[in-house]
Amino acid sequence: MSEVSQGKKAGTIIIFDSRFKGGNLMPDVFKDYVKKKFSKPGPLKGVRVLEVCTLLFGPSGPSFLAEMGAEVIKIELPPAGDVTRSLNPFGWFYKEQSPMFMHINPNKYYMALDLHIDMGQQIFKELAAKADIIEFNLRPAVTNRWNIGYEDIKKVNPGIIYIEKNGFGQWGAYAEQDRPSNDGASQALAGYAWMSSFPKRPPLKQSIWICDYYGGLMGEVAVLAALHHRRKTGKGQFIEMSQTENIMRVMNWVWPYQQLAGKGVEPMGNRDQCICPADTFLCADNRLAALAAPGPDEFLGLCRAMGKAELAVDPRFREHTVRLQDENALAILKIIADWARTKTADDLEALGKEFGFSATRLHNAKDMNEDPQRRERGFVKEIDDPLYGRYVEHEFPVMMTKTPPKIKWTVRPVGFDNEFVMAKILGRNQTQIDELYLHGVLGKWKDMQGRRPPSDWDGQAGYIIRR
């Protein structure tokens, strides 16, 4: 099945598998994956989720489930809905909709239900009785005031998996103070922003919503674990989580180092404090390249690429633990920086491939969208939506041969799917639905950007029968 050949560099053995012709490393099971995935179900088909979430931390988790095939019903308060509909880059809307809201909320059904009203709370409980998972990211105790707290829902659905997620959890001093939070506040409180800066510079907040997305992902790890537990035992459970504690979890060695060594972590910019060399370097064409070579073979390859093979046996650099010592780390990084300034970013990438160390030029958003690697794998793809037309989005970043995750449609105006949810799931007829509109229990979109349909909507496209 395989053939052995001598590599370019002395002593290197390269193994070629005869199943992979012409350098194509795609396993056979992924052949035509991008073309065929829409004919296969997602892994969570048959799981129903109710989402009462706003901003990004809350909705991002149910979005992961929706892309994996779960039926997610996003419940908003009419007529304005999720405040994220107003959060957009520089005030720019695409066809009346926020690009950020579109990105964070695909594959959902949109219901506008007033949970302040008793009738709205009763309808929510009817839906909860038919749901597997309920997700909230409201302030502590809000769900209890609305009579839809865990104990209320457990009465109608003992097996419910119920998660409440917010900035500081459901108890503790910060929760008792009813402190508001967001991604930036969590980055600040966790120390993440402090670490992310450069020496002797102010703290640097990451412009991506890392606490929102990572917190959302960790929440779904717990939700899926609870779903597995229920399938074994028949028992649901209450999950609660703090956004700030979740991002602290990803800061790995920082807290043990503080506790065990008694030393605080200082900002180091792009320099990795546990791997050396690993940093970002300015190149001859004034572009930047990220480079790392911690392993013995990688470091030797880098030294050879620089024409300085002797550095690999230099007592300051030969062993990785010695190389990490601050004086030695600064010395080798200075040598690399001076060398990188004589090469273009593309040169560094090519040399990394040739000599076996990691080197990648920094990509911007345009590069990311146009990268042929991402297009070929279907990660960056064109969505064709009946309301919003064709636009470029990126897919769920995991491929599964039998049950592929996928984006099938994007967001909808506030309350767009009310009739579908009420008729299909709760069995209401049109007269009963009209009565709920009359009493303000159900609502539709406000005549406002981010809430209403696009101006060219024909009044029919996108309704559920087309999905």
Protein backbone atom coordinates (compact mmCIF):
# COMPACT_ATOMS: atom_id res chain seq x y z
CA MET A 1 0.00 0.00 0.00
CA SER A 2 2.86 2.37 0.63
CA GLU A 3 6.13 3.31 -1.00
CA VAL A 4 9.25 4.64 0.71
CA SER A 5 11.42 7.32 -0.84
CA GLN A 6 14.43 9.37 0.21
CA GLY A 7 13.44 12.96 1.00
CA LYS A 8 15.19 16.17 -0.12
CA LYS A 9 16.96 16.59 3.18
CA ALA A 10 19.54 14.09 4.28
CA GLY A 11 18.21 11.48 6.69
CA THR A 12 14.56 12.23 6.03
CA ILE A 13 12.26 9.34 5.12
CA ILE A 14 9.00 10.23 3.38
CA ILE A 15 6.21 7.64 3.21
CA PHE A 16 3.81 7.83 0.28
CA ASP A 17 0.50 5.97 0.52
CA SER A 18 -0.52 4.59 -2.88
CA ARG A 19 -4.19 5.35 -2.14
CA PHE A 20 -3.39 9.06 -2.36
CA LYS A 21 -2.49 9.95 -5.90
CA GLY A 22 -1.10 13.22 -7.10
CA GLY A 23 -0.63 14.61 -3.62
CA ASN A 24 -4.35 14.40 -2.81
CA LEU A 25 -4.54 13.43 0.87
CA MET A 26 -8.35 13.34 1.07
CA PRO A 27 -9.55 10.04 2.59
CA ASP A 28 -12.04 8.22 0.36
CA VAL A 29 -14.87 8.71 2.88
CA PHE A 30 -14.69 12.47 2.32
CA LYS A 31 -14.93 12.29 -1.46
CA ASP A 32 -17.65 14.71 -2.63
CA TYR A 33 -18.32 15.62 1.02
CA VAL A 34 -19.08 19.26 0.23
CA LYS A 35 -21.52 18.33 -2.55
CA LYS A 36 -23.34 15.56 -0.69
CA LYS A 37 -23.59 16.84 2.87
CA PHE A 38 -26.98 18.50 2.34
CA SER A 39 -28.50 15.11 1.52
CA LYS A 40 -27.54 13.75 4.97
CA PRO A 41 -29.04 14.52 8.40
CA GLY A 42 -27.16 16.40 11.10
CA PRO A 43 -26.00 14.50 14.22
CA LEU A 44 -28.59 16.21 16.46
CA LYS A 45 -31.61 15.66 14.24
CA GLY A 46 -34.67 15.14 16.46
CA VAL A 47 -33.35 17.27 19.36
CA ARG A 48 -35.51 20.31 20.16
CA VAL A 49 -34.02 23.42 21.80
CA LEU A 50 -35.76 26.52 23.16
CA GLU A 51 -33.49 29.56 23.23
CA VAL A 52 -34.25 32.72 25.21
CA CYS A 53 -30.91 34.43 24.68
CA THR A 54 -29.51 37.74 23.58
CA LEU A 55 -26.19 39.25 22.47
CA LEU A 56 -23.55 36.61 21.61
CA PHE A 57 -22.69 34.52 24.66
CA GLY A 58 -26.22 33.15 24.85
CA PRO A 59 -27.15 32.57 21.19
CA SER A 60 -23.76 31.20 20.08
CA GLY A 61 -24.29 27.90 21.91
CA PRO A 62 -27.70 27.03 20.45
CA SER A 63 -26.29 28.03 17.05
CA PHE A 64 -23.71 25.25 17.32
CA LEU A 65 -26.55 22.82 18.00
CA ALA A 66 -28.62 24.22 15.11
CA GLU A 67 -25.75 23.73 12.68
CA MET A 68 -25.53 20.14 13.91
CA GLY A 69 -29.17 19.55 13.03
CA ALA A 70 -31.08 20.37 16.21
CA GLU A 71 -34.42 22.17 15.89
CA VAL A 72 -33.70 25.46 17.65
CA ILE A 73 -36.56 27.88 18.35
CA LYS A 74 -35.23 31.34 19.13
CA ILE A 75 -37.76 33.14 21.31
CA GLU A 76 -37.52 36.94 21.32
CA LEU A 77 -39.57 39.61 23.06
CA PRO A 78 -41.72 41.45 20.48
CA PRO A 79 -41.44 43.71 18.62
CA ALA A 80 -37.72 44.64 18.91
CA GLY A 81 -36.31 41.18 19.66
CA ASP A 82 -32.67 40.43 20.38
CA VAL A 83 -30.59 43.57 20.91
CA THR A 84 -27.88 41.99 18.73
CA ARG A 85 -30.02 42.94 15.74
CA SER A 86 -28.72 46.50 16.32
CA LEU A 87 -25.06 45.56 16.75
CA ASN A 88 -23.25 45.79 13.45
CA PRO A 89 -19.91 46.99 12.09
CA PHE A 90 -19.84 50.79 11.85
CA GLY A 91 -23.65 50.92 11.71
CA TRP A 92 -23.75 49.01 8.40
CA PHE A 93 -26.70 46.74 7.60
CA TYR A 94 -26.96 44.13 4.86
CA LYS A 95 -30.49 44.07 3.44
CA GLU A 96 -31.90 45.52 6.66
CA GLN A 97 -30.05 42.97 8.78
CA SER A 98 -27.00 43.05 11.04
CA PRO A 99 -24.15 40.93 9.62
CA MET A 100 -23.17 39.99 13.17
CA PHE A 101 -26.69 38.77 13.95
CA MET A 102 -26.71 36.79 10.70
CA HIS A 103 -23.42 35.14 11.53
CA ILE A 104 -24.34 34.15 15.07
CA ASN A 105 -27.88 32.83 14.47
CA PRO A 106 -28.21 30.46 11.48
CA ASN A 107 -30.66 27.57 11.10
CA LYS A 108 -33.10 28.78 13.77
CA TYR A 109 -36.87 29.26 13.86
CA TYR A 110 -37.87 32.75 14.96
CA MET A 111 -40.71 33.21 17.44
CA ALA A 112 -41.76 36.46 19.15
CA LEU A 113 -43.45 35.65 22.47
CA ASP A 114 -44.01 38.12 25.33
CA LEU A 115 -42.82 36.30 28.44
CA HIS A 116 -43.98 39.13 30.72
CA ILE A 117 -47.59 38.02 30.10
CA ASP A 118 -49.17 35.02 31.85
CA MET A 119 -50.46 33.63 28.55
CA GLY A 120 -46.98 33.94 27.07
CA GLN A 121 -45.52 32.05 30.02
CA GLN A 122 -48.10 29.29 29.59
CA ILE A 123 -47.27 28.91 25.90
CA PHE A 124 -43.59 28.75 26.80
CA LYS A 125 -44.32 25.93 29.25
CA GLU A 126 -46.26 24.07 26.55
CA LEU A 127 -43.22 24.32 24.30
CA ALA A 128 -40.94 23.33 27.20
CA ALA A 129 -42.98 20.17 27.72
CA LYS A 130 -42.07 19.16 24.17
CA ALA A 131 -38.41 20.29 24.31
CA ASP A 132 -35.17 18.54 25.17
CA ILE A 133 -33.06 21.59 26.04
CA ILE A 134 -33.80 25.14 27.22
CA GLU A 135 -31.10 27.85 27.15
CA PHE A 136 -31.12 31.27 28.83
CA ASN A 137 -28.55 34.03 29.30
CA LEU A 138 -30.55 36.48 31.37
CA ARG A 139 -29.66 38.19 34.64
CA PRO A 140 -29.96 35.96 37.74
CA ALA A 141 -33.57 35.41 38.95
CA VAL A 142 -35.22 36.81 35.80
CA THR A 143 -36.55 33.40 34.80
CA ASN A 144 -38.07 32.94 38.26
CA ARG A 145 -39.84 36.31 37.98
CA TRP A 146 -41.26 35.16 34.65
CA ASN A 147 -42.40 31.86 36.22
CA ILE A 148 -40.23 29.84 33.86
CA GLY A 149 -37.36 29.00 36.23
CA TYR A 150 -35.98 25.49 36.47
CA GLU A 151 -38.39 24.36 39.18
CA ASP A 152 -41.35 25.69 37.15
CA ILE A 153 -40.23 23.91 33.98
CA LYS A 154 -39.31 20.68 35.75
CA LYS A 155 -42.97 20.30 36.75
CA VAL A 156 -44.03 20.07 33.10
CA ASN A 157 -40.90 18.27 31.85
CA PRO A 158 -38.86 16.40 34.50
CA GLY A 159 -36.32 15.35 31.88
CA ILE A 160 -35.52 18.87 30.68
CA ILE A 161 -31.90 19.95 30.29
CA TYR A 162 -31.98 23.55 31.46
CA ILE A 163 -28.98 25.89 31.24
CA GLU A 164 -28.62 29.42 32.58
CA LYS A 165 -25.48 31.27 31.54
CA ASN A 166 -24.41 34.81 32.34
CA GLY A 167 -21.38 36.86 33.25
CA PHE A 168 -20.86 35.71 36.82
CA GLY A 169 -23.11 32.71 37.40
CA GLN A 170 -26.29 32.40 39.44
CA TRP A 171 -24.76 32.99 42.87
CA GLY A 172 -21.77 34.64 44.52
CA ALA A 173 -21.02 38.27 45.30
CA TYR A 174 -21.04 39.51 41.70
CA ALA A 175 -24.29 37.70 40.92
CA GLU A 176 -25.91 39.13 44.07
CA GLN A 177 -24.89 42.61 42.93
CA ASP A 178 -26.79 41.89 39.70
CA ARG A 179 -23.78 43.06 37.72
CA PRO A 180 -24.20 43.38 33.97
CA SER A 181 -21.48 41.85 31.84
CA ASN A 182 -20.34 41.41 28.26
CA ASP A 183 -17.38 39.97 26.40
CA GLY A 184 -15.11 42.96 27.12
CA ALA A 185 -15.96 42.93 30.82
CA SER A 186 -15.16 39.23 31.01
CA GLN A 187 -11.84 39.72 29.22
CA ALA A 188 -11.02 42.44 31.75
CA LEU A 189 -12.11 40.59 34.89
CA ALA A 190 -10.49 37.28 33.92
CA GLY A 191 -7.12 38.92 33.24
CA TYR A 192 -7.32 37.91 29.59
CA ALA A 193 -7.03 41.50 28.35
CA TRP A 194 -4.02 42.08 30.61
CA MET A 195 -2.19 39.09 29.16
CA SER A 196 -3.08 39.94 25.57
CA SER A 197 -1.11 43.17 25.41
CA PHE A 198 2.54 44.02 24.80
CA PRO A 199 5.17 44.82 27.46
CA LYS A 200 4.71 48.29 28.97
CA ARG A 201 1.56 48.86 26.92
CA PRO A 202 -2.06 49.22 28.11
CA PRO A 203 -4.21 46.07 28.26
CA LEU A 204 -5.52 44.97 24.88
CA LYS A 205 -9.07 43.69 24.47
CA GLN A 206 -9.41 41.13 21.70
CA SER A 207 -11.69 42.50 18.99
CA ILE A 208 -13.26 39.08 18.47
CA TRP A 209 -15.74 38.00 21.14
CA ILE A 210 -13.59 35.22 22.54
CA CYS A 211 -15.40 35.02 25.90
CA ASP A 212 -18.78 34.86 24.16
CA TYR A 213 -17.82 32.13 21.72
CA TYR A 214 -15.70 30.01 24.02
CA GLY A 215 -18.26 30.32 26.81
CA GLY A 216 -20.99 29.33 24.38
CA LEU A 217 -18.99 26.31 23.25
CA MET A 218 -18.29 25.16 26.82
CA GLY A 219 -21.99 25.49 27.62
CA GLU A 220 -22.84 23.10 24.80
CA VAL A 221 -20.23 20.60 26.01
CA ALA A 222 -22.19 20.50 29.27
CA VAL A 223 -25.55 20.36 27.47
CA LEU A 224 -24.51 17.41 25.30
CA ALA A 225 -23.03 15.63 28.33
CA ALA A 226 -26.36 16.14 30.13
CA LEU A 227 -28.22 14.82 27.07
CA HIS A 228 -26.06 11.68 27.18
CA HIS A 229 -26.73 11.32 30.92
CA ARG A 230 -30.48 11.62 30.35
CA ARG A 231 -30.42 8.92 27.70
CA LYS A 232 -28.79 6.58 30.22
CA THR A 233 -30.86 7.53 33.29
CA GLY A 234 -33.96 9.37 32.05
CA LYS A 235 -33.08 12.31 34.30
CA GLY A 236 -32.65 15.93 33.23
CA GLN A 237 -30.66 18.54 35.11
CA PHE A 238 -29.98 22.22 35.75
CA ILE A 239 -26.72 23.62 34.37
CA GLU A 240 -25.37 27.05 35.26
CA MET A 241 -22.18 28.74 34.15
CA SER A 242 -20.16 31.93 34.39
CA GLN A 243 -18.75 33.53 31.25
CA THR A 244 -15.74 34.87 33.15
CA GLU A 245 -14.89 31.52 34.75
CA ASN A 246 -15.02 29.85 31.35
CA ILE A 247 -12.44 32.12 29.76
CA MET A 248 -10.21 31.66 32.82
CA ARG A 249 -10.34 27.94 32.09
CA VAL A 250 -8.74 28.45 28.67
CA MET A 251 -5.90 30.52 30.13
CA ASN A 252 -4.24 27.18 30.99
CA TRP A 253 -0.87 27.66 32.73
CA VAL A 254 -1.41 31.22 33.96
CA TRP A 255 -3.26 30.47 37.19
CA PRO A 256 -1.19 27.43 38.31
CA TYR A 257 1.95 29.49 37.69
CA GLN A 258 0.61 32.30 39.86
CA GLN A 259 -0.45 29.95 42.64
CA LEU A 260 2.54 27.61 42.63
CA ALA A 261 5.40 29.95 41.71
CA GLY A 262 3.92 33.07 43.27
CA LYS A 263 4.72 35.03 40.11
CA GLY A 264 2.35 37.08 38.03
CA VAL A 265 2.25 36.81 34.27
CA GLU A 266 3.34 39.91 32.39
CA PRO A 267 2.14 40.82 28.88
CA MET A 268 4.46 39.50 26.17
CA GLY A 269 2.69 40.47 22.96
CA ASN A 270 2.97 37.78 20.30
CA ARG A 271 5.81 35.99 22.04
CA ASP A 272 4.86 32.62 23.51
CA GLN A 273 6.16 32.23 27.04
CA CYS A 274 6.05 28.41 27.05
CA ILE A 275 7.38 27.78 23.54
CA CYS A 276 10.61 29.10 22.11
CA PRO A 277 11.04 30.27 19.47
CA ALA A 278 7.43 31.28 18.82
CA ASP A 279 6.64 34.86 17.84
CA THR A 280 5.45 37.07 15.00
CA PHE A 281 8.11 38.73 12.86
CA LEU A 282 8.22 41.70 10.50
CA CYS A 283 9.44 40.71 7.04
CA ALA A 284 11.23 42.52 4.19
CA ASP A 285 7.93 43.28 2.42
CA ASN A 286 6.54 44.85 5.64
CA ARG A 287 4.17 41.95 6.11
CA LEU A 288 4.17 39.80 9.22
CA ALA A 289 4.72 36.07 9.63
CA ALA A 290 4.07 33.84 12.64
CA LEU A 291 6.91 31.38 13.22
CA ALA A 292 7.43 28.58 15.73
CA ALA A 293 10.11 25.89 16.07
CA PRO A 294 10.12 24.38 19.58
CA GLY A 295 10.94 20.73 18.77
CA PRO A 296 14.53 19.57 18.21
CA ASP A 297 14.02 18.79 14.52
CA GLU A 298 12.00 21.97 13.98
CA PHE A 299 14.64 24.13 15.64
CA LEU A 300 17.42 22.46 13.67
CA GLY A 301 15.44 23.06 10.46
CA LEU A 302 15.01 26.73 11.31
CA CYS A 303 18.72 27.13 12.07
CA ARG A 304 19.60 25.54 8.73
CA ALA A 305 17.10 27.77 6.93
CA MET A 306 18.82 30.80 8.46
CA GLY A 307 22.23 29.45 7.41
CA LYS A 308 23.20 29.20 11.10
CA ALA A 309 23.19 25.46 11.82
CA GLU A 310 25.64 26.06 14.69
CA LEU A 311 22.84 27.66 16.75
CA ALA A 312 21.23 24.24 17.15
CA VAL A 313 24.17 23.11 19.32
CA ASP A 314 24.76 26.43 21.07
CA PRO A 315 24.49 25.77 24.87
CA ARG A 316 22.03 28.68 25.16
CA PHE A 317 19.63 27.19 22.66
CA ARG A 318 20.24 23.43 22.36
CA GLU A 319 17.68 22.40 25.01
CA HIS A 320 14.20 23.84 24.92
CA THR A 321 13.99 24.44 28.68
CA VAL A 322 17.26 26.39 28.58
CA ARG A 323 16.13 28.26 25.48
CA LEU A 324 13.02 29.43 27.36
CA GLN A 325 15.07 31.30 29.95
CA ASP A 326 14.40 34.96 29.35
CA GLU A 327 17.93 36.05 28.40
CA ASN A 328 18.32 33.16 25.97
CA ALA A 329 14.80 33.55 24.54
CA LEU A 330 15.39 37.23 23.82
CA ALA A 331 18.72 36.40 22.17
CA ILE A 332 17.35 33.79 19.75
CA LEU A 333 14.26 35.88 18.96
CA LYS A 334 16.53 38.81 18.07
CA ILE A 335 18.55 36.58 15.72
CA ILE A 336 15.37 35.36 14.03
CA ALA A 337 13.92 38.87 13.81
CA ASP A 338 17.03 40.20 12.06
CA TRP A 339 16.96 37.29 9.61
CA ALA A 340 13.21 37.57 8.95
CA ARG A 341 13.68 41.23 8.01
CA THR A 342 15.73 40.05 5.02
CA LYS A 343 12.99 37.70 3.74
CA THR A 344 9.46 38.22 2.50
CA ALA A 345 6.55 36.63 4.33
CA ASP A 346 6.12 34.23 1.40
CA ASP A 347 9.80 33.34 1.67
CA LEU A 348 9.32 32.35 5.31
CA GLU A 349 6.30 30.20 4.45
CA ALA A 350 8.28 28.41 1.73
CA LEU A 351 11.27 27.88 3.99
CA GLY A 352 9.04 26.52 6.73
CA LYS A 353 7.69 23.92 4.34
CA GLU A 354 11.15 23.03 3.07
CA PHE A 355 12.93 22.79 6.44
CA GLY A 356 10.10 21.55 8.65
CA PHE A 357 9.13 24.40 10.98
CA SER A 358 5.91 26.36 11.29
CA ALA A 359 5.80 29.64 9.36
CA THR A 360 2.64 31.36 8.14
CA ARG A 361 2.11 34.87 6.87
CA LEU A 362 -0.63 36.75 8.67
CA HIS A 363 -3.94 36.73 6.82
CA ASN A 364 -6.51 39.49 6.87
CA ALA A 365 -10.27 39.09 6.38
CA LYS A 366 -9.94 39.35 2.59
CA ASP A 367 -7.30 36.61 2.57
CA MET A 368 -9.49 34.42 4.75
CA ASN A 369 -12.49 34.76 2.43
CA GLU A 370 -10.51 34.15 -0.75
CA ASP A 371 -8.14 31.42 0.46
CA PRO A 372 -8.54 28.49 -2.02
CA GLN A 373 -7.83 25.97 0.78
CA ARG A 374 -10.89 27.10 2.73
CA ARG A 375 -13.02 27.28 -0.42
CA GLU A 376 -12.01 23.80 -1.55
CA ARG A 377 -12.93 22.32 1.83
CA GLY A 378 -16.27 24.13 1.83
CA PHE A 379 -15.46 26.01 5.02
CA VAL A 380 -15.88 29.38 3.34
CA LYS A 381 -18.90 29.07 1.09
CA GLU A 382 -21.66 31.00 -0.56
CA ILE A 383 -25.07 30.85 1.12
CA ASP A 384 -28.15 31.23 -1.09
CA ASP A 385 -30.96 32.37 1.20
CA PRO A 386 -34.52 33.08 0.00
CA LEU A 387 -34.70 36.34 1.98
CA TYR A 388 -31.15 37.64 1.89
CA GLY A 389 -29.85 36.21 -1.37
CA ARG A 390 -26.27 35.15 -1.95
CA TYR A 391 -23.55 36.01 0.53
CA VAL A 392 -20.34 34.44 1.81
CA GLU A 393 -20.25 32.75 5.22
CA HIS A 394 -18.09 30.14 6.89
CA GLU A 395 -19.41 26.73 7.84
CA PHE A 396 -19.24 24.74 11.06
CA PRO A 397 -15.52 23.88 11.33
CA VAL A 398 -15.93 20.13 11.81
CA MET A 399 -16.65 17.55 9.11
CA MET A 400 -18.57 14.35 9.90
CA THR A 401 -18.97 11.72 7.19
CA LYS A 402 -22.34 10.27 8.27
CA THR A 403 -23.97 13.31 9.91
CA PRO A 404 -22.41 16.49 8.52
CA PRO A 405 -23.10 19.83 10.26
CA LYS A 406 -24.20 22.56 7.88
CA ILE A 407 -25.74 26.03 7.46
CA LYS A 408 -29.09 25.72 5.71
CA TRP A 409 -30.53 29.21 6.12
CA THR A 410 -29.73 32.45 7.87
CA VAL A 411 -31.73 34.64 10.24
CA ARG A 412 -35.33 35.80 9.96
CA PRO A 413 -37.23 38.92 11.05
CA VAL A 414 -38.69 39.04 14.57
CA GLY A 415 -41.60 36.59 14.90
CA PHE A 416 -41.22 35.31 11.33
CA ASP A 417 -41.96 31.67 12.24
CA ASN A 418 -44.73 32.23 14.83
CA GLU A 419 -47.41 30.47 12.78
CA PHE A 420 -45.18 27.51 12.03
CA VAL A 421 -44.25 26.96 15.68
CA MET A 422 -47.78 27.44 16.99
CA ALA A 423 -49.43 25.23 14.36
CA LYS A 424 -46.88 22.47 13.89
CA ILE A 425 -45.62 22.05 17.45
CA LEU A 426 -48.57 23.20 19.59
CA GLY A 427 -51.43 22.38 17.22
CA ARG A 428 -53.10 25.80 17.28
CA ASN A 429 -55.41 26.80 14.44
CA GLN A 430 -55.31 30.20 12.75
CA THR A 431 -58.21 31.59 14.82
CA GLN A 432 -56.40 30.73 18.05
CA ILE A 433 -53.17 32.22 16.73
CA ASP A 434 -54.95 35.44 15.74
CA GLU A 435 -56.35 35.67 19.26
CA LEU A 436 -52.85 35.53 20.71
CA TYR A 437 -51.78 38.37 18.41
CA LEU A 438 -54.80 40.36 19.56
CA HIS A 439 -53.76 40.02 23.22
CA GLY A 440 -50.13 40.90 22.51
CA VAL A 441 -48.89 37.43 23.45
CA LEU A 442 -47.41 36.88 19.99
CA GLY A 443 -45.85 39.69 18.03
CA LYS A 444 -44.13 40.55 14.78
CA TRP A 445 -41.21 42.72 13.83
CA LYS A 446 -40.89 46.40 14.53
CA ASP A 447 -40.55 48.63 11.46
CA MET A 448 -36.86 49.10 12.14
CA GLN A 449 -33.55 48.00 10.65
CA GLY A 450 -32.46 44.63 11.95
CA ARG A 451 -36.05 43.62 12.77
CA ARG A 452 -38.04 43.87 9.56
CA PRO A 453 -37.65 41.90 6.31
CA PRO A 454 -35.45 43.25 3.51
CA SER A 455 -37.06 45.90 1.33
CA ASP A 456 -37.25 43.56 -1.68
CA TRP A 457 -39.07 40.78 0.18
CA ASP A 458 -42.08 39.51 -1.75
CA GLY A 459 -44.12 38.61 1.33
CA GLN A 460 -43.71 34.86 0.78
CA ALA A 461 -40.04 33.89 0.34
CA GLY A 462 -38.44 32.19 3.31
CA TYR A 463 -41.58 30.98 5.01
CA ILE A 464 -41.14 27.60 6.54
CA ILE A 465 -42.71 25.54 3.76
CA ARG A 466 -39.75 26.56 1.61
CA ARG A 467 -37.30 25.27 4.22
